[in-house]
Amino acid sequence: MTRWSASVVALLLVSFAGPANAQVNCEAIPRGPARTDCYLGLSRFYQGQSDLAAAKALQQSDDAWYRAITGMDPPKPKPRRRR
């Protein structure tokens, strides 16, 4: 029964999992350390998005080079299994 309930919980989490849609407005925060922290947090968030986009573009470029050289799609990574 434990395995069944864990799978139901996992299914519910996956079905309701979606990107959080939060609009952050640092202008609404009064001037001071909290407002500065808000802008620093937004900066780190956008830097992370930029890094992710750059990594994705690099991977696509590498895949294109692999296809151009070998004429085949690159091998897909194998899923790791826990022991």
Protein backbone atom coordinates (compact mmCIF):
# COMPACT_ATOMS: atom_id res chain seq x y z
CA MET A 1 0.00 0.00 0.00
CA THR A 2 2.91 2.35 0.67
CA ARG A 3 4.24 2.04 -2.86
CA TRP A 4 0.78 2.74 -4.29
CA SER A 5 0.24 5.84 -2.17
CA ALA A 6 3.70 7.17 -3.00
CA SER A 7 2.99 6.79 -6.71
CA VAL A 8 -0.34 8.60 -6.33
CA VAL A 9 1.37 11.48 -4.53
CA ALA A 10 4.06 11.64 -7.22
CA LEU A 11 1.39 11.65 -9.93
CA LEU A 12 -0.47 14.48 -8.24
CA LEU A 13 2.69 16.52 -7.85
CA VAL A 14 3.59 16.07 -11.50
CA SER A 15 0.09 16.93 -12.70
CA PHE A 16 -0.02 20.18 -10.70
CA ALA A 17 3.62 21.13 -11.14
CA GLY A 18 3.91 24.19 -13.33
CA PRO A 19 6.16 27.17 -13.51
CA ALA A 20 5.56 29.62 -10.75
CA ASN A 21 4.20 32.81 -12.17
CA ALA A 22 5.20 35.55 -9.76
CA GLN A 23 5.50 39.13 -10.87
CA VAL A 24 8.21 40.84 -8.85
CA ASN A 25 8.05 44.60 -8.59
CA CYS A 26 11.05 45.97 -6.72
CA GLU A 27 9.72 49.52 -7.18
CA ALA A 28 6.90 48.71 -4.76
CA ILE A 29 9.39 48.05 -1.95
CA PRO A 30 10.49 51.14 0.00
CA ARG A 31 14.05 52.34 -0.57
CA GLY A 32 16.59 50.61 1.59
CA PRO A 33 18.27 47.24 2.04
CA ALA A 34 15.13 45.24 1.20
CA ARG A 35 14.78 46.97 -2.17
CA THR A 36 18.48 46.44 -2.90
CA ASP A 37 18.11 42.76 -2.03
CA CYS A 38 15.14 42.54 -4.38
CA TYR A 39 17.20 43.90 -7.28
CA LEU A 40 20.13 41.63 -6.41
CA GLY A 41 17.80 38.63 -6.37
CA LEU A 42 16.31 39.56 -9.74
CA SER A 43 19.80 40.03 -11.14
CA ARG A 44 20.86 36.54 -10.03
CA PHE A 45 17.65 35.05 -11.39
CA TYR A 46 18.14 36.62 -14.81
CA GLN A 47 21.83 35.64 -14.80
CA GLY A 48 20.77 32.04 -14.17
CA GLN A 49 18.31 32.18 -17.06
CA SER A 50 21.02 33.62 -19.30
CA ASP A 51 23.50 30.91 -18.29
CA LEU A 52 20.90 28.24 -18.98
CA ALA A 53 20.11 29.67 -22.43
CA ALA A 54 23.82 29.88 -23.26
CA ALA A 55 24.38 26.26 -22.21
CA LYS A 56 21.43 25.13 -24.31
CA ALA A 57 22.71 27.04 -27.35
CA LEU A 58 26.19 25.55 -26.89
CA GLN A 59 24.73 22.04 -26.71
CA GLN A 60 22.72 22.65 -29.89
CA SER A 61 25.85 23.92 -31.62
CA ASP A 62 27.83 20.87 -30.51
CA ASP A 63 25.05 18.58 -31.74
CA ALA A 64 25.05 20.34 -35.13
CA TRP A 65 28.83 19.91 -35.43
CA TYR A 66 28.51 16.22 -34.52
CA ARG A 67 25.84 15.75 -37.20
CA ALA A 68 27.92 17.63 -39.80
CA ILE A 69 31.03 15.54 -39.12
CA THR A 70 29.52 12.06 -38.63
CA GLY A 71 26.25 12.33 -40.51
CA MET A 72 24.40 10.87 -37.50
CA ASP A 73 22.56 12.25 -34.51
CA PRO A 74 24.63 12.40 -31.35
CA PRO A 75 24.13 9.53 -28.90
CA LYS A 76 21.53 10.16 -26.24
CA PRO A 77 22.72 10.02 -22.63
CA LYS A 78 21.69 6.91 -20.74
CA PRO A 79 19.54 7.48 -17.65
CA ARG A 80 21.34 6.89 -14.39
CA ARG A 81 19.91 4.20 -12.18
CA ARG A 82 20.01 4.17 -8.43
CA ARG A 83 21.11 1.07 -6.62
